[in-house]
Every structure is written in structure tokens, then in C-alpha cells.
N, C-alpha and C. Protein backbone atom coordinates (compact mmCIF):
# COMPACT_ATOMS: atom_id res chain seq x y z
N MET A 1 -87.27 17.76 -1.07
CA MET A 1 -85.84 17.75 -0.84
C MET A 1 -85.19 16.86 -1.90
N LEU A 2 -83.99 17.26 -2.32
CA LEU A 2 -83.28 16.52 -3.35
C LEU A 2 -82.57 15.32 -2.76
N ASP A 3 -82.63 14.21 -3.50
CA ASP A 3 -81.90 13.03 -3.03
C ASP A 3 -80.45 13.07 -3.53
N MET A 4 -79.65 12.18 -3.05
CA MET A 4 -78.22 12.17 -3.35
C MET A 4 -77.95 11.94 -4.83
N ARG A 5 -78.73 11.08 -5.47
CA ARG A 5 -78.52 10.80 -6.89
C ARG A 5 -78.78 12.05 -7.73
N THR A 6 -79.81 12.80 -7.44
CA THR A 6 -80.11 14.03 -8.17
C THR A 6 -79.00 15.06 -7.97
N LEU A 7 -78.48 15.15 -6.75
CA LEU A 7 -77.38 16.08 -6.50
C LEU A 7 -76.13 15.69 -7.28
N ASN A 8 -75.84 14.38 -7.34
CA ASN A 8 -74.68 13.92 -8.10
C ASN A 8 -74.82 14.24 -9.59
N ILE A 9 -76.00 14.04 -10.13
CA ILE A 9 -76.25 14.34 -11.54
C ILE A 9 -76.11 15.84 -11.78
N ALA A 10 -76.69 16.65 -10.89
CA ALA A 10 -76.60 18.10 -11.03
C ALA A 10 -75.15 18.57 -10.94
N PHE A 11 -74.41 18.02 -10.00
CA PHE A 11 -73.00 18.38 -9.84
C PHE A 11 -72.20 18.01 -11.09
N THR A 12 -72.42 16.80 -11.62
CA THR A 12 -71.71 16.35 -12.82
C THR A 12 -72.05 17.23 -14.02
N LEU A 13 -73.30 17.60 -14.16
CA LEU A 13 -73.73 18.46 -15.25
C LEU A 13 -73.08 19.84 -15.13
N CYS A 14 -73.07 20.40 -13.94
CA CYS A 14 -72.44 21.71 -13.73
C CYS A 14 -70.94 21.65 -14.03
N ALA A 15 -70.28 20.61 -13.61
CA ALA A 15 -68.85 20.46 -13.86
C ALA A 15 -68.57 20.35 -15.36
N ALA A 16 -69.41 19.60 -16.08
CA ALA A 16 -69.23 19.45 -17.52
C ALA A 16 -69.45 20.79 -18.24
N LEU A 17 -70.46 21.53 -17.82
CA LEU A 17 -70.72 22.84 -18.43
C LEU A 17 -69.58 23.81 -18.15
N LEU A 18 -69.07 23.79 -16.93
CA LEU A 18 -67.96 24.66 -16.57
C LEU A 18 -66.71 24.30 -17.37
N ALA A 19 -66.43 23.02 -17.50
CA ALA A 19 -65.26 22.58 -18.27
C ALA A 19 -65.41 22.96 -19.74
N GLY A 20 -66.59 22.83 -20.26
CA GLY A 20 -66.83 23.19 -21.66
C GLY A 20 -66.69 24.68 -21.89
N GLY A 21 -67.11 25.49 -20.94
CA GLY A 21 -67.00 26.93 -21.06
C GLY A 21 -65.57 27.41 -20.96
N CYS A 22 -64.73 26.68 -20.28
CA CYS A 22 -63.32 27.06 -20.13
C CYS A 22 -62.44 26.41 -21.17
N ALA A 23 -63.01 25.63 -22.04
CA ALA A 23 -62.21 24.89 -23.02
C ALA A 23 -61.52 25.84 -24.00
N HIS A 24 -60.42 25.38 -24.53
CA HIS A 24 -59.63 26.12 -25.51
C HIS A 24 -60.42 26.22 -26.81
N THR A 25 -60.50 27.42 -27.37
CA THR A 25 -61.19 27.62 -28.63
C THR A 25 -60.16 27.60 -29.75
N PRO A 26 -60.12 26.55 -30.56
CA PRO A 26 -59.07 26.44 -31.57
C PRO A 26 -59.26 27.36 -32.76
N THR A 27 -60.40 28.00 -32.87
CA THR A 27 -60.65 28.81 -34.06
C THR A 27 -60.42 30.30 -33.81
N HIS A 28 -59.72 30.65 -32.76
CA HIS A 28 -59.45 32.05 -32.49
C HIS A 28 -58.30 32.54 -33.36
N VAL A 29 -58.44 33.75 -33.91
CA VAL A 29 -57.40 34.36 -34.72
C VAL A 29 -57.20 35.79 -34.21
N ASP A 30 -55.96 36.16 -33.89
CA ASP A 30 -55.64 37.51 -33.43
C ASP A 30 -55.31 38.39 -34.62
N TRP A 31 -55.77 39.65 -34.58
CA TRP A 31 -55.46 40.66 -35.60
C TRP A 31 -54.50 41.67 -35.00
N ILE A 32 -53.43 41.99 -35.74
CA ILE A 32 -52.48 43.01 -35.34
C ILE A 32 -52.41 44.02 -36.48
N SER A 33 -52.79 45.25 -36.22
CA SER A 33 -52.73 46.28 -37.26
C SER A 33 -51.29 46.68 -37.51
N VAL A 34 -50.89 46.64 -38.77
CA VAL A 34 -49.55 47.07 -39.17
C VAL A 34 -49.62 48.10 -40.29
N GLY A 35 -50.80 48.55 -40.57
CA GLY A 35 -51.00 49.54 -41.63
C GLY A 35 -52.35 50.20 -41.44
N PRO A 36 -52.70 51.07 -42.37
CA PRO A 36 -53.97 51.79 -42.25
C PRO A 36 -55.17 50.85 -42.42
N THR A 37 -56.29 51.25 -41.85
CA THR A 37 -57.55 50.52 -42.00
C THR A 37 -58.39 51.23 -43.05
N PHE A 38 -58.95 50.46 -43.95
CA PHE A 38 -59.76 51.00 -45.03
C PHE A 38 -61.21 50.58 -44.82
N ALA A 39 -62.10 51.07 -45.68
CA ALA A 39 -63.52 50.72 -45.58
C ALA A 39 -63.68 49.21 -45.75
N PRO A 40 -64.58 48.60 -44.97
CA PRO A 40 -64.79 47.14 -45.07
C PRO A 40 -65.24 46.70 -46.46
N LYS A 41 -64.96 45.45 -46.77
CA LYS A 41 -65.36 44.84 -48.03
C LYS A 41 -66.16 43.58 -47.74
N LYS A 42 -66.76 43.04 -48.77
CA LYS A 42 -67.38 41.73 -48.65
C LYS A 42 -66.27 40.68 -48.64
N VAL A 43 -66.48 39.62 -47.89
CA VAL A 43 -65.48 38.56 -47.78
C VAL A 43 -65.11 38.01 -49.15
N GLU A 44 -66.08 37.88 -50.03
CA GLU A 44 -65.84 37.32 -51.37
C GLU A 44 -64.90 38.20 -52.20
N GLN A 45 -64.77 39.46 -51.85
CA GLN A 45 -63.91 40.38 -52.59
C GLN A 45 -62.43 40.25 -52.20
N VAL A 46 -62.14 39.52 -51.13
CA VAL A 46 -60.77 39.37 -50.66
C VAL A 46 -60.15 38.12 -51.29
N GLU A 47 -59.12 38.34 -52.07
CA GLU A 47 -58.41 37.26 -52.74
C GLU A 47 -57.58 36.50 -51.70
N VAL A 48 -57.57 35.17 -51.79
CA VAL A 48 -56.79 34.34 -50.87
C VAL A 48 -55.57 33.80 -51.62
N LEU A 49 -54.39 34.10 -51.07
CA LEU A 49 -53.13 33.67 -51.66
C LEU A 49 -52.41 32.75 -50.68
N SER A 50 -51.59 31.86 -51.22
CA SER A 50 -50.86 30.93 -50.34
C SER A 50 -49.37 31.25 -50.24
N ASP A 51 -48.90 32.23 -51.01
CA ASP A 51 -47.48 32.57 -50.98
C ASP A 51 -47.31 34.03 -51.38
N TYR A 52 -46.28 34.66 -50.84
CA TYR A 52 -46.01 36.06 -51.18
C TYR A 52 -45.62 36.22 -52.65
N ARG A 53 -45.09 35.17 -53.26
CA ARG A 53 -44.74 35.22 -54.69
C ARG A 53 -45.99 35.36 -55.56
N ASP A 54 -47.16 35.05 -55.01
CA ASP A 54 -48.40 35.17 -55.77
C ASP A 54 -48.87 36.62 -55.89
N ILE A 55 -48.25 37.53 -55.15
CA ILE A 55 -48.61 38.95 -55.24
C ILE A 55 -47.91 39.50 -56.47
N LYS A 56 -48.69 39.85 -57.47
CA LYS A 56 -48.13 40.28 -58.75
C LYS A 56 -48.15 41.80 -58.91
N ARG A 57 -48.70 42.51 -57.94
CA ARG A 57 -48.80 43.97 -58.04
C ARG A 57 -48.24 44.59 -56.76
N GLN A 58 -47.95 45.87 -56.84
CA GLN A 58 -47.45 46.59 -55.67
C GLN A 58 -48.52 46.57 -54.59
N ALA A 59 -48.12 46.26 -53.37
CA ALA A 59 -49.07 46.14 -52.27
C ALA A 59 -48.42 46.56 -50.97
N GLY A 60 -49.26 46.87 -50.00
CA GLY A 60 -48.78 47.20 -48.66
C GLY A 60 -49.53 46.36 -47.64
N ALA A 61 -48.86 46.00 -46.56
CA ALA A 61 -49.48 45.22 -45.50
C ALA A 61 -50.34 46.13 -44.63
N ILE A 62 -51.52 45.64 -44.25
CA ILE A 62 -52.36 46.41 -43.33
C ILE A 62 -52.65 45.63 -42.05
N GLY A 63 -52.36 44.33 -42.04
CA GLY A 63 -52.61 43.56 -40.83
C GLY A 63 -51.91 42.22 -40.85
N GLU A 64 -51.56 41.76 -39.66
CA GLU A 64 -50.97 40.43 -39.46
C GLU A 64 -51.95 39.64 -38.61
N MET A 65 -52.06 38.35 -38.86
CA MET A 65 -52.95 37.50 -38.09
C MET A 65 -52.25 36.22 -37.69
N LYS A 66 -52.58 35.73 -36.51
CA LYS A 66 -52.04 34.46 -36.02
C LYS A 66 -53.16 33.70 -35.35
N GLY A 67 -53.33 32.45 -35.74
CA GLY A 67 -54.35 31.60 -35.14
C GLY A 67 -53.78 30.83 -33.96
N ASN A 68 -54.67 30.31 -33.14
CA ASN A 68 -54.26 29.46 -32.02
C ASN A 68 -53.58 28.20 -32.55
N ASN A 69 -52.75 27.61 -31.72
CA ASN A 69 -52.07 26.37 -32.08
C ASN A 69 -53.09 25.24 -32.20
N LEU A 70 -52.88 24.39 -33.21
CA LEU A 70 -53.79 23.28 -33.49
C LEU A 70 -53.01 21.99 -33.59
N GLU A 71 -53.70 20.88 -33.38
CA GLU A 71 -53.10 19.58 -33.64
C GLU A 71 -53.04 19.36 -35.14
N LYS A 72 -52.10 18.52 -35.55
CA LYS A 72 -51.86 18.29 -36.98
C LYS A 72 -53.11 17.85 -37.73
N ASN A 73 -53.90 17.00 -37.14
CA ASN A 73 -55.04 16.41 -37.84
C ASN A 73 -56.33 17.21 -37.72
N ASP A 74 -56.29 18.38 -37.11
CA ASP A 74 -57.51 19.18 -36.92
C ASP A 74 -57.74 20.07 -38.14
N ILE A 75 -58.03 19.45 -39.27
CA ILE A 75 -58.21 20.16 -40.54
C ILE A 75 -59.40 21.11 -40.47
N ALA A 76 -60.48 20.71 -39.81
CA ALA A 76 -61.67 21.56 -39.72
C ALA A 76 -61.34 22.87 -39.01
N ALA A 77 -60.60 22.80 -37.91
CA ALA A 77 -60.24 24.02 -37.18
C ALA A 77 -59.30 24.89 -38.01
N LEU A 78 -58.38 24.27 -38.74
CA LEU A 78 -57.48 25.02 -39.60
C LEU A 78 -58.25 25.77 -40.69
N GLN A 79 -59.21 25.09 -41.30
CA GLN A 79 -60.03 25.73 -42.33
C GLN A 79 -60.88 26.85 -41.74
N GLU A 80 -61.36 26.67 -40.52
CA GLU A 80 -62.14 27.71 -39.87
C GLU A 80 -61.26 28.93 -39.59
N GLN A 81 -60.02 28.70 -39.15
CA GLN A 81 -59.10 29.83 -38.93
C GLN A 81 -58.84 30.58 -40.24
N MET A 82 -58.76 29.86 -41.34
CA MET A 82 -58.54 30.51 -42.64
C MET A 82 -59.75 31.35 -43.02
N ARG A 83 -60.96 30.86 -42.75
CA ARG A 83 -62.17 31.65 -43.02
C ARG A 83 -62.20 32.91 -42.15
N ILE A 84 -61.80 32.77 -40.88
CA ILE A 84 -61.78 33.92 -39.97
C ILE A 84 -60.76 34.94 -40.45
N ALA A 85 -59.58 34.48 -40.88
CA ALA A 85 -58.55 35.39 -41.37
C ALA A 85 -59.05 36.17 -42.58
N ARG A 86 -59.74 35.51 -43.48
CA ARG A 86 -60.29 36.20 -44.66
C ARG A 86 -61.35 37.21 -44.24
N ARG A 87 -62.19 36.84 -43.27
CA ARG A 87 -63.23 37.77 -42.78
C ARG A 87 -62.60 38.99 -42.11
N LEU A 88 -61.57 38.77 -41.28
CA LEU A 88 -60.89 39.90 -40.63
C LEU A 88 -60.23 40.81 -41.66
N ALA A 89 -59.63 40.22 -42.69
CA ALA A 89 -59.02 41.03 -43.75
C ALA A 89 -60.09 41.88 -44.44
N ALA A 90 -61.25 41.29 -44.70
CA ALA A 90 -62.34 42.03 -45.34
C ALA A 90 -62.84 43.16 -44.44
N GLU A 91 -62.94 42.90 -43.15
CA GLU A 91 -63.40 43.93 -42.21
C GLU A 91 -62.47 45.14 -42.18
N HIS A 92 -61.18 44.93 -42.50
CA HIS A 92 -60.21 46.02 -42.48
C HIS A 92 -59.92 46.57 -43.87
N GLY A 93 -60.67 46.11 -44.88
CA GLY A 93 -60.57 46.67 -46.22
C GLY A 93 -59.45 46.12 -47.08
N ALA A 94 -58.95 44.94 -46.79
CA ALA A 94 -57.87 44.35 -47.57
C ALA A 94 -58.37 43.88 -48.94
N ASP A 95 -57.46 43.89 -49.90
CA ASP A 95 -57.76 43.34 -51.22
C ASP A 95 -57.43 41.86 -51.30
N ALA A 96 -56.45 41.44 -50.50
CA ALA A 96 -56.01 40.04 -50.52
C ALA A 96 -55.46 39.67 -49.15
N VAL A 97 -55.36 38.37 -48.92
CA VAL A 97 -54.75 37.87 -47.70
C VAL A 97 -53.87 36.68 -48.06
N VAL A 98 -52.64 36.72 -47.57
CA VAL A 98 -51.71 35.61 -47.77
C VAL A 98 -51.78 34.76 -46.52
N ILE A 99 -52.19 33.50 -46.67
CA ILE A 99 -52.38 32.62 -45.52
C ILE A 99 -51.40 31.45 -45.63
N LYS A 100 -50.63 31.27 -44.58
CA LYS A 100 -49.66 30.17 -44.53
C LYS A 100 -49.88 29.34 -43.28
N ARG A 101 -49.73 28.04 -43.44
CA ARG A 101 -49.77 27.14 -42.28
C ARG A 101 -48.34 26.99 -41.77
N LYS A 102 -48.15 27.25 -40.50
CA LYS A 102 -46.81 27.18 -39.90
C LYS A 102 -46.79 26.04 -38.89
N GLU A 103 -45.61 25.48 -38.69
CA GLU A 103 -45.43 24.39 -37.74
C GLU A 103 -44.66 24.90 -36.53
N LEU A 104 -45.14 24.54 -35.36
CA LEU A 104 -44.49 24.89 -34.11
C LEU A 104 -43.96 23.61 -33.48
N VAL A 105 -42.65 23.50 -33.40
CA VAL A 105 -42.04 22.31 -32.81
C VAL A 105 -41.49 22.70 -31.45
N VAL A 106 -41.96 22.00 -30.43
CA VAL A 106 -41.49 22.25 -29.07
C VAL A 106 -40.46 21.19 -28.76
N GLU A 107 -39.24 21.64 -28.50
CA GLU A 107 -38.17 20.69 -28.19
C GLU A 107 -38.28 20.24 -26.75
N SER A 108 -38.04 18.96 -26.55
CA SER A 108 -38.07 18.41 -25.19
C SER A 108 -36.81 18.80 -24.45
N GLY A 109 -36.96 19.01 -23.16
CA GLY A 109 -35.82 19.32 -22.32
C GLY A 109 -35.00 18.07 -22.03
N PRO A 110 -33.84 18.23 -21.40
CA PRO A 110 -32.97 17.08 -21.16
C PRO A 110 -33.57 16.06 -20.19
N PHE A 111 -34.54 16.48 -19.38
CA PHE A 111 -35.12 15.57 -18.40
C PHE A 111 -36.51 15.07 -18.80
N GLU A 112 -36.95 15.43 -20.00
CA GLU A 112 -38.26 14.99 -20.48
C GLU A 112 -38.08 13.76 -21.35
N SER A 113 -38.89 12.75 -21.09
CA SER A 113 -38.76 11.51 -21.85
C SER A 113 -39.63 11.49 -23.10
N ASP A 114 -40.73 12.24 -23.08
CA ASP A 114 -41.65 12.21 -24.22
C ASP A 114 -41.45 13.45 -25.08
N ALA A 115 -41.25 13.24 -26.36
CA ALA A 115 -41.16 14.35 -27.31
C ALA A 115 -42.56 14.91 -27.52
N GLN A 116 -42.64 16.22 -27.63
CA GLN A 116 -43.92 16.87 -27.87
C GLN A 116 -44.27 16.79 -29.36
N PRO A 117 -45.50 16.42 -29.69
CA PRO A 117 -45.87 16.40 -31.10
C PRO A 117 -45.95 17.84 -31.62
N PRO A 118 -45.63 18.05 -32.90
CA PRO A 118 -45.70 19.41 -33.42
C PRO A 118 -47.13 19.92 -33.44
N GLU A 119 -47.27 21.23 -33.30
CA GLU A 119 -48.57 21.88 -33.42
C GLU A 119 -48.50 22.81 -34.62
N TYR A 120 -49.65 23.17 -35.12
CA TYR A 120 -49.73 23.99 -36.31
C TYR A 120 -50.57 25.23 -36.01
N PHE A 121 -50.32 26.29 -36.75
CA PHE A 121 -51.13 27.49 -36.65
C PHE A 121 -51.09 28.20 -38.00
N ILE A 122 -52.01 29.12 -38.20
CA ILE A 122 -51.95 29.90 -39.43
C ILE A 122 -51.32 31.25 -39.11
N HIS A 123 -50.56 31.73 -40.07
CA HIS A 123 -50.06 33.09 -40.05
C HIS A 123 -50.56 33.71 -41.33
N ALA A 124 -51.17 34.88 -41.23
CA ALA A 124 -51.73 35.52 -42.42
C ALA A 124 -51.36 36.99 -42.43
N ARG A 125 -51.25 37.53 -43.63
CA ARG A 125 -50.98 38.96 -43.80
C ARG A 125 -52.03 39.53 -44.75
N ALA A 126 -52.76 40.53 -44.27
CA ALA A 126 -53.76 41.22 -45.09
C ALA A 126 -53.05 42.32 -45.87
N ILE A 127 -53.31 42.38 -47.16
CA ILE A 127 -52.64 43.37 -47.99
C ILE A 127 -53.65 44.20 -48.77
N LYS A 128 -53.21 45.38 -49.15
CA LYS A 128 -53.99 46.30 -49.97
C LYS A 128 -53.16 46.60 -51.20
N TYR A 129 -53.75 46.41 -52.38
CA TYR A 129 -53.04 46.71 -53.62
C TYR A 129 -52.95 48.22 -53.79
N ALA A 130 -51.74 48.73 -54.01
CA ALA A 130 -51.53 50.17 -54.11
C ALA A 130 -52.12 50.74 -55.39
N ASP A 131 -52.21 49.94 -56.45
CA ASP A 131 -52.74 50.46 -57.71
C ASP A 131 -54.27 50.50 -57.74
N LYS A 132 -54.91 50.00 -56.70
CA LYS A 132 -56.38 50.02 -56.65
C LYS A 132 -56.91 51.06 -55.67
N LEU A 133 -56.03 51.92 -55.14
CA LEU A 133 -56.46 52.88 -54.13
C LEU A 133 -57.28 54.00 -54.74
N THR A 134 -58.41 54.29 -54.12
CA THR A 134 -59.21 55.45 -54.51
C THR A 134 -58.50 56.69 -53.94
N PRO A 135 -58.86 57.88 -54.37
CA PRO A 135 -58.23 59.08 -53.78
C PRO A 135 -58.37 59.14 -52.26
N GLU A 136 -59.51 58.71 -51.74
CA GLU A 136 -59.71 58.70 -50.29
C GLU A 136 -58.78 57.70 -49.61
N GLU A 137 -58.63 56.52 -50.23
CA GLU A 137 -57.76 55.50 -49.67
C GLU A 137 -56.29 55.92 -49.76
N LEU A 138 -55.93 56.59 -50.85
CA LEU A 138 -54.56 57.06 -50.99
C LEU A 138 -54.23 58.07 -49.89
N GLU A 139 -55.19 58.91 -49.55
CA GLU A 139 -54.98 59.87 -48.46
C GLU A 139 -54.77 59.13 -47.13
N ILE A 140 -55.55 58.09 -46.90
CA ILE A 140 -55.39 57.28 -45.68
C ILE A 140 -54.00 56.65 -45.67
N ALA A 141 -53.58 56.07 -46.80
CA ALA A 141 -52.29 55.41 -46.89
C ALA A 141 -51.14 56.40 -46.68
N ASN A 142 -51.27 57.60 -47.22
CA ASN A 142 -50.21 58.59 -47.09
C ASN A 142 -50.07 59.11 -45.67
N ARG A 143 -51.13 59.04 -44.88
CA ARG A 143 -51.05 59.45 -43.47
C ARG A 143 -50.33 58.40 -42.64
N TRP A 144 -50.32 57.16 -43.13
CA TRP A 144 -49.66 56.07 -42.41
C TRP A 144 -48.16 56.18 -42.63
N ARG A 145 -47.39 55.87 -41.60
CA ARG A 145 -45.93 55.95 -41.70
C ARG A 145 -45.39 54.58 -42.08
N PRO A 146 -45.12 54.32 -43.37
CA PRO A 146 -44.71 52.98 -43.79
C PRO A 146 -43.37 52.54 -43.22
N GLU A 147 -42.55 53.46 -42.73
CA GLU A 147 -41.27 53.02 -42.15
C GLU A 147 -41.49 52.16 -40.91
N ASN A 148 -42.69 52.20 -40.34
CA ASN A 148 -43.00 51.34 -39.20
C ASN A 148 -43.05 49.87 -39.60
N LEU A 149 -43.09 49.58 -40.88
CA LEU A 149 -43.21 48.20 -41.35
C LEU A 149 -41.87 47.58 -41.71
N ASP A 150 -40.77 48.30 -41.51
CA ASP A 150 -39.48 47.80 -41.95
C ASP A 150 -39.16 46.42 -41.39
N ASP A 151 -39.51 46.16 -40.12
CA ASP A 151 -39.20 44.86 -39.54
C ASP A 151 -40.08 43.77 -40.15
N LEU A 152 -41.28 44.11 -40.62
CA LEU A 152 -42.17 43.12 -41.22
C LEU A 152 -41.84 42.89 -42.69
N ASN A 153 -41.41 43.93 -43.37
CA ASN A 153 -41.12 43.84 -44.80
C ASN A 153 -39.63 43.64 -45.03
N SER A 154 -39.07 42.68 -44.36
CA SER A 154 -37.64 42.41 -44.51
C SER A 154 -37.39 41.73 -45.85
N THR A 155 -36.14 41.58 -46.19
CA THR A 155 -35.79 40.96 -47.47
C THR A 155 -35.54 39.47 -47.32
N LYS A 156 -36.06 38.85 -46.27
CA LYS A 156 -35.90 37.41 -46.09
C LYS A 156 -36.63 36.65 -47.20
N LYS A 157 -36.24 35.40 -47.40
CA LYS A 157 -36.87 34.56 -48.41
C LYS A 157 -38.38 34.47 -48.16
N ASN A 158 -39.15 34.66 -49.21
CA ASN A 158 -40.63 34.61 -49.18
C ASN A 158 -41.25 35.73 -48.35
N ALA A 159 -40.48 36.75 -48.00
CA ALA A 159 -41.05 37.88 -47.27
C ALA A 159 -41.68 38.83 -48.27
N MET A 160 -42.59 39.64 -47.78
CA MET A 160 -43.21 40.63 -48.63
C MET A 160 -42.17 41.66 -49.04
N PRO A 161 -42.16 42.11 -50.29
CA PRO A 161 -41.16 43.09 -50.71
C PRO A 161 -41.23 44.35 -49.86
N ALA A 162 -40.08 44.92 -49.55
CA ALA A 162 -40.03 46.14 -48.76
C ALA A 162 -40.18 47.33 -49.67
N MET A 163 -41.38 47.87 -49.76
CA MET A 163 -41.61 49.04 -50.61
C MET A 163 -42.69 49.91 -49.98
N GLY A 164 -42.62 51.18 -50.29
CA GLY A 164 -43.59 52.12 -49.76
C GLY A 164 -44.86 52.12 -50.59
N TRP A 165 -45.88 52.78 -50.08
CA TRP A 165 -47.15 52.86 -50.79
C TRP A 165 -47.01 53.59 -52.12
N ASP A 166 -46.01 54.46 -52.22
CA ASP A 166 -45.82 55.22 -53.46
C ASP A 166 -44.97 54.48 -54.48
N GLY A 167 -44.58 53.24 -54.18
CA GLY A 167 -43.81 52.42 -55.12
C GLY A 167 -42.32 52.48 -54.90
N SER A 168 -41.86 53.34 -54.00
CA SER A 168 -40.43 53.45 -53.76
C SER A 168 -39.96 52.27 -52.93
N ASN A 169 -38.74 51.82 -53.19
CA ASN A 169 -38.16 50.75 -52.39
C ASN A 169 -37.66 51.32 -51.08
N ARG A 170 -37.78 50.55 -50.01
CA ARG A 170 -37.29 50.99 -48.72
C ARG A 170 -36.16 50.11 -48.29
């Protein structure tokens, strides 16, 4: 028969395991398809960009990604989210991924005394260069309805240019 000390240790261990299993995973990144999916690539083949101005060729968006919120000083988790975003872009056949760190500021309500510290997350856009499309990829792109991207390809500052896969402006 088990004594009380052994039961307490077992209970504490089970509680710790349960809490660890339910813990928030800071390295999760969600993928949202906003364009056609192409054949997968190796991760090393996906160029990493930090700004939309770095895109020097005609391109189309194929996916949007958002990472979980992180604390400011969690650099390791931020870097892991960036690696995941590049891997997801490669899995969907992207040529490049634009990765930006965004800040989320939660404003305190009128009855809250403590201001919430800002949290950070990554926002990434997987892109496919239109001038690198093979005939098979061009067929895939032409089946996609690019007008569905109008809300994503707005003319806001630092937004991706609004253009179709065929080079026409939208």
C-alpha cells in the first residue's frame, strides 16, 4: 500500500505534467492560404526578406502567417517562429517570405491600474516570383482568382503592390 508521502509526490508530478501539457506554445505559426499552392521547395531555397520594398521583381502572395504573441525579451521563440514561417513558405512552394515583427499594445481600461506590457508576434507573407513560374506553375496561377487578394494587396504604405500574376495592375 502507498504511503501519504508517495501519494503527494505522485500527485505533484501528475499536476506538473498536466500543467506542462496545457502550457502555451510560443512557437506556433498559423498559415492562411491567399493564393495557389505550388510544389514544395527546400527551406534553403526560400529567400527571407524583412520589408516589402526588398521585393525587386513581380510577385504574388500565396500565404499569410501569424505567430503567437510573445514577450518582448523572448528572442529564441521569435527566431523559432521565423524558422517555422520559412519552412511553411517552402512547403507551399514560395520563392521568398517577408517576415516582420509586429507589436501588440493592449490598452488598459479605465478601471485597470496596471498597464499591460506590449507583446510581439511575427507576421509573414509567402510570395512567388511571377517571372520564375514554370509552365505548370503558370497554369496553377492562372486558375487562381487574384481579385480575391485585393484586400491584402492594398496600396497602404509598405504593402505589397497590387498586381496580377500577368503583370497587370489591379
